[in-house]
Amino acid sequence: MTSVEKKPLTKRFQNMALTGYVGLLILMPLWLFVLSPREAHSLGFMFTVYILPLLLPLRGFIKDNPYTYAWANFIVLIYFLHGFTLLWIATDELLWVLLELLFASLMFVGCTYYAKHRGQELGLRIRKLKQDLADEKAAHEHTEDRD
């Protein structure tokens, strides 16, 4: 299999995604376990809810899989919700909240556009629903004609 070279814009989006990802991967345990530990929650709970989701796309990021960048956006939504919630209720932790939102935003935008541009470079396509419906209709009409 021949490798397709990445365009500079694609590399920029990948760097943006990885900066946000690594930022969250460093910030969250540092913030939640060292800088401002949560006494109301167990360490296992904090790890499972705030750290473990970040580890799920690690393998795909290392393998440079565009599909992983696309679905990682579902994970980053956890950190948007966490950050926006804390904006209202934890004003004493504003710096950490703003960093979380910054890293989550970088990851979200970077992953979105990296997956799009890299997918185009590799010739990967997501079929459009309109085409799927047309194919299904044609297949259904074909079976009716045979009956």
C-alpha atoms as a PDB file:
ATOM      1  CA  MET A   1       0.000   0.000   0.000  1.00  0.00           C
ATOM      2  CA  THR A   2       1.430   3.359  -0.984  1.00  0.00           C
ATOM      3  CA  SER A   3       1.243   6.168   1.529  1.00  0.00           C
ATOM      4  CA  VAL A   4      -0.435   9.397   0.538  1.00  0.00           C
ATOM      5  CA  GLU A   5       1.441  12.491   1.641  1.00  0.00           C
ATOM      6  CA  LYS A   6      -0.415  14.882   3.917  1.00  0.00           C
ATOM      7  CA  LYS A   7      -1.013  18.420   2.732  1.00  0.00           C
ATOM      8  CA  PRO A   8       0.174  21.240   5.028  1.00  0.00           C
ATOM      9  CA  LEU A   9      -3.420  22.135   5.987  1.00  0.00           C
ATOM     10  CA  THR A  10      -4.117  18.526   6.942  1.00  0.00           C
ATOM     11  CA  LYS A  11      -0.963  18.453   9.088  1.00  0.00           C
ATOM     12  CA  ARG A  12      -2.030  21.695  10.749  1.00  0.00           C
ATOM     13  CA  PHE A  13      -5.407  20.221  11.720  1.00  0.00           C
ATOM     14  CA  GLN A  14      -3.726  17.058  12.992  1.00  0.00           C
ATOM     15  CA  ASN A  15      -1.358  19.123  15.137  1.00  0.00           C
ATOM     16  CA  MET A  16      -4.322  21.108  16.455  1.00  0.00           C
ATOM     17  CA  ALA A  17      -6.177  17.899  17.340  1.00  0.00           C
ATOM     18  CA  LEU A  18      -3.157  16.356  19.029  1.00  0.00           C
ATOM     19  CA  THR A  19      -2.369  19.546  20.956  1.00  0.00           C
ATOM     20  CA  GLY A  20      -5.897  19.565  22.358  1.00  0.00           C
ATOM     21  CA  TYR A  21      -5.783  15.846  23.069  1.00  0.00           C
ATOM     22  CA  VAL A  22      -2.411  15.869  24.840  1.00  0.00           C
ATOM     23  CA  GLY A  23      -3.423  19.040  26.673  1.00  0.00           C
ATOM     24  CA  LEU A  24      -6.518  17.306  28.065  1.00  0.00           C
ATOM     25  CA  LEU A  25      -4.537  14.156  28.793  1.00  0.00           C
ATOM     26  CA  ILE A  26      -2.114  16.180  30.937  1.00  0.00           C
ATOM     27  CA  LEU A  27      -4.554  18.715  32.396  1.00  0.00           C
ATOM     28  CA  MET A  28      -7.314  16.440  33.617  1.00  0.00           C
ATOM     29  CA  PRO A  29      -5.318  14.151  35.950  1.00  0.00           C
ATOM     30  CA  LEU A  30      -3.134  17.039  37.099  1.00  0.00           C
ATOM     31  CA  TRP A  31      -6.163  19.211  37.879  1.00  0.00           C
ATOM     32  CA  LEU A  32      -8.417  16.544  39.378  1.00  0.00           C
ATOM     33  CA  PHE A  33      -5.845  14.558  41.366  1.00  0.00           C
ATOM     34  CA  VAL A  34      -3.127  17.101  42.253  1.00  0.00           C
ATOM     35  CA  LEU A  35      -4.162  20.749  41.938  1.00  0.00           C
ATOM     36  CA  SER A  36      -7.750  20.495  43.139  1.00  0.00           C
ATOM     37  CA  PRO A  37      -8.584  16.981  44.307  1.00  0.00           C
ATOM     38  CA  ARG A  38     -12.263  16.097  44.622  1.00  0.00           C
ATOM     39  CA  GLU A  39     -12.856  14.702  48.085  1.00  0.00           C
ATOM     40  CA  ALA A  40     -16.504  13.865  47.355  1.00  0.00           C
ATOM     41  CA  HIS A  41     -15.562  11.324  44.655  1.00  0.00           C
ATOM     42  CA  SER A  42     -13.380   8.237  44.769  1.00  0.00           C
ATOM     43  CA  LEU A  43     -10.192   8.064  42.720  1.00  0.00           C
ATOM     44  CA  GLY A  44     -11.665   5.173  40.711  1.00  0.00           C
ATOM     45  CA  PHE A  45     -14.730   7.208  39.816  1.00  0.00           C
ATOM     46  CA  MET A  46     -12.639  10.218  38.785  1.00  0.00           C
ATOM     47  CA  PHE A  47     -10.362   8.028  36.673  1.00  0.00           C
ATOM     48  CA  THR A  48     -13.261   6.218  35.004  1.00  0.00           C
ATOM     49  CA  VAL A  49     -15.236   9.356  34.178  1.00  0.00           C
ATOM     50  CA  TYR A  50     -12.514  11.878  33.326  1.00  0.00           C
ATOM     51  CA  ILE A  51      -9.339   9.999  32.321  1.00  0.00           C
ATOM     52  CA  LEU A  52     -10.375   6.650  30.832  1.00  0.00           C
ATOM     53  CA  PRO A  53     -12.414   8.199  27.973  1.00  0.00           C
ATOM     54  CA  LEU A  54      -9.294  10.064  26.845  1.00  0.00           C
ATOM     55  CA  LEU A  55      -7.369   6.807  26.592  1.00  0.00           C
ATOM     56  CA  LEU A  56      -9.863   5.209  24.179  1.00  0.00           C
ATOM     57  CA  PRO A  57      -8.644   6.969  20.992  1.00  0.00           C
ATOM     58  CA  LEU A  58      -4.940   6.736  21.882  1.00  0.00           C
ATOM     59  CA  ARG A  59      -4.215   3.671  19.728  1.00  0.00           C
ATOM     60  CA  GLY A  60      -5.985   5.157  16.684  1.00  0.00           C
ATOM     61  CA  PHE A  61      -4.146   8.462  17.094  1.00  0.00           C
ATOM     62  CA  ILE A  62      -0.826   6.615  17.236  1.00  0.00           C
ATOM     63  CA  LYS A  63      -1.759   4.641  14.095  1.00  0.00           C
ATOM     64  CA  ASP A  64      -2.930   7.878  12.431  1.00  0.00           C
ATOM     65  CA  ASN A  65      -6.398   6.508  11.655  1.00  0.00           C
ATOM     66  CA  PRO A  66      -8.697   9.294  10.313  1.00  0.00           C
ATOM     67  CA  TYR A  67     -11.740   7.362  11.505  1.00  0.00           C
ATOM     68  CA  THR A  68     -10.469   7.584  15.094  1.00  0.00           C
ATOM     69  CA  TYR A  69     -10.163  11.351  14.778  1.00  0.00           C
ATOM     70  CA  ALA A  70     -13.793  11.472  13.629  1.00  0.00           C
ATOM     71  CA  TRP A  71     -15.282   9.445  16.502  1.00  0.00           C
ATOM     72  CA  ALA A  72     -13.023  11.035  19.111  1.00  0.00           C
ATOM     73  CA  ASN A  73     -15.286  14.069  18.833  1.00  0.00           C
ATOM     74  CA  PHE A  74     -17.953  12.145  20.714  1.00  0.00           C
ATOM     75  CA  ILE A  75     -15.509  11.749  23.593  1.00  0.00           C
ATOM     76  CA  VAL A  76     -14.450  15.378  23.658  1.00  0.00           C
ATOM     77  CA  LEU A  77     -18.076  16.382  24.243  1.00  0.00           C
ATOM     78  CA  ILE A  78     -17.685  15.075  27.812  1.00  0.00           C
ATOM     79  CA  TYR A  79     -15.056  17.727  28.434  1.00  0.00           C
ATOM     80  CA  PHE A  80     -17.154  20.480  26.853  1.00  0.00           C
ATOM     81  CA  LEU A  81     -20.049  19.594  29.162  1.00  0.00           C
ATOM     82  CA  HIS A  82     -17.748  19.390  32.168  1.00  0.00           C
ATOM     83  CA  GLY A  83     -16.078  22.696  31.344  1.00  0.00           C
ATOM     84  CA  PHE A  84     -19.257  24.638  30.573  1.00  0.00           C
ATOM     85  CA  THR A  85     -20.909  23.307  33.731  1.00  0.00           C
ATOM     86  CA  LEU A  86     -17.959  24.355  35.867  1.00  0.00           C
ATOM     87  CA  LEU A  87     -17.988  27.829  34.307  1.00  0.00           C
ATOM     88  CA  TRP A  88     -21.213  28.409  36.238  1.00  0.00           C
ATOM     89  CA  ILE A  89     -20.504  26.595  39.480  1.00  0.00           C
ATOM     90  CA  ALA A  90     -16.743  26.675  40.083  1.00  0.00           C
ATOM     91  CA  THR A  91     -15.609  30.232  39.512  1.00  0.00           C
ATOM     92  CA  ASP A  92     -12.657  29.628  41.848  1.00  0.00           C
ATOM     93  CA  GLU A  93     -11.226  27.195  39.281  1.00  0.00           C
ATOM     94  CA  LEU A  94     -11.688  29.462  36.277  1.00  0.00           C
ATOM     95  CA  LEU A  95      -8.132  29.028  34.938  1.00  0.00           C
ATOM     96  CA  TRP A  96      -8.428  25.221  34.819  1.00  0.00           C
ATOM     97  CA  VAL A  97     -11.918  25.394  33.344  1.00  0.00           C
ATOM     98  CA  LEU A  98     -10.777  27.749  30.594  1.00  0.00           C
ATOM     99  CA  LEU A  99      -7.801  25.494  29.824  1.00  0.00           C
ATOM    100  CA  GLU A 100     -10.111  22.486  29.605  1.00  0.00           C
ATOM    101  CA  LEU A 101     -12.409  24.353  27.203  1.00  0.00           C
ATOM    102  CA  LEU A 102      -9.443  25.558  25.139  1.00  0.00           C
ATOM    103  CA  PHE A 103      -7.991  22.059  24.792  1.00  0.00           C
ATOM    104  CA  ALA A 104     -11.415  20.544  24.101  1.00  0.00           C
ATOM    105  CA  SER A 105     -12.044  23.164  21.393  1.00  0.00           C
ATOM    106  CA  LEU A 106      -8.658  22.561  19.784  1.00  0.00           C
ATOM    107  CA  MET A 107      -9.259  18.823  19.801  1.00  0.00           C
ATOM    108  CA  PHE A 108     -12.795  19.143  18.430  1.00  0.00           C
ATOM    109  CA  VAL A 109     -11.923  21.461  15.546  1.00  0.00           C
ATOM    110  CA  GLY A 110      -8.672  19.657  14.781  1.00  0.00           C
ATOM    111  CA  CYS A 111     -10.249  16.194  14.798  1.00  0.00           C
ATOM    112  CA  THR A 112     -13.196  17.311  12.686  1.00  0.00           C
ATOM    113  CA  TYR A 113     -11.148  18.852   9.919  1.00  0.00           C
ATOM    114  CA  TYR A 114      -8.286  16.382  10.077  1.00  0.00           C
ATOM    115  CA  ALA A 115     -10.706  13.492   9.558  1.00  0.00           C
ATOM    116  CA  LYS A 116     -12.349  15.349   6.677  1.00  0.00           C
ATOM    117  CA  HIS A 117      -9.175  16.401   4.859  1.00  0.00           C
ATOM    118  CA  ARG A 118      -7.220  13.199   5.483  1.00  0.00           C
ATOM    119  CA  GLY A 119     -10.191  11.124   4.430  1.00  0.00           C
ATOM    120  CA  GLN A 120     -10.371  13.071   1.174  1.00  0.00           C
ATOM    121  CA  GLU A 121      -6.647  12.624   0.586  1.00  0.00           C
ATOM    122  CA  LEU A 122      -6.973   8.877   1.094  1.00  0.00           C
ATOM    123  CA  GLY A 123     -10.103   8.645  -1.053  1.00  0.00           C
ATOM    124  CA  LEU A 124     -12.304   7.567   1.842  1.00  0.00           C
ATOM    125  CA  ARG A 125     -15.915   8.475   1.405  1.00  0.00           C
ATOM    126  CA  ILE A 126     -18.971   8.363   3.596  1.00  0.00           C
ATOM    127  CA  ARG A 127     -21.949   7.530   1.476  1.00  0.00           C
ATOM    128  CA  LYS A 128     -24.656  10.125   1.535  1.00  0.00           C
ATOM    129  CA  LEU A 129     -28.047   9.188   2.911  1.00  0.00           C
ATOM    130  CA  LYS A 130     -29.664  10.413  -0.306  1.00  0.00           C
ATOM    131  CA  GLN A 131     -27.631   7.888  -2.315  1.00  0.00           C
ATOM    132  CA  ASP A 132     -28.430   5.108   0.162  1.00  0.00           C
ATOM    133  CA  LEU A 133     -32.148   5.833  -0.121  1.00  0.00           C
ATOM    134  CA  ALA A 134     -31.990   5.909  -3.919  1.00  0.00           C
ATOM    135  CA  ASP A 135     -30.144   2.558  -3.966  1.00  0.00           C
ATOM    136  CA  GLU A 136     -32.670   1.040  -1.590  1.00  0.00           C
ATOM    137  CA  LYS A 137     -35.584   2.313  -3.665  1.00  0.00           C
ATOM    138  CA  ALA A 138     -34.048   0.944  -6.875  1.00  0.00           C
ATOM    139  CA  ALA A 139     -33.464  -2.448  -5.257  1.00  0.00           C
ATOM    140  CA  HIS A 140     -37.037  -2.524  -3.959  1.00  0.00           C
ATOM    141  CA  GLU A 141     -38.452  -1.603  -7.368  1.00  0.00           C
ATOM    142  CA  HIS A 142     -36.292  -4.290  -8.982  1.00  0.00           C
ATOM    143  CA  THR A 143     -37.680  -6.984  -6.652  1.00  0.00           C
ATOM    144  CA  GLU A 144     -41.254  -5.818  -7.312  1.00  0.00           C
ATOM    145  CA  ASP A 145     -40.704  -6.085 -11.076  1.00  0.00           C
ATOM    146  CA  ARG A 146     -39.627  -9.720 -10.713  1.00  0.00           C
ATOM    147  CA  ASP A 147     -42.794 -10.666  -8.779  1.00  0.00           C
END
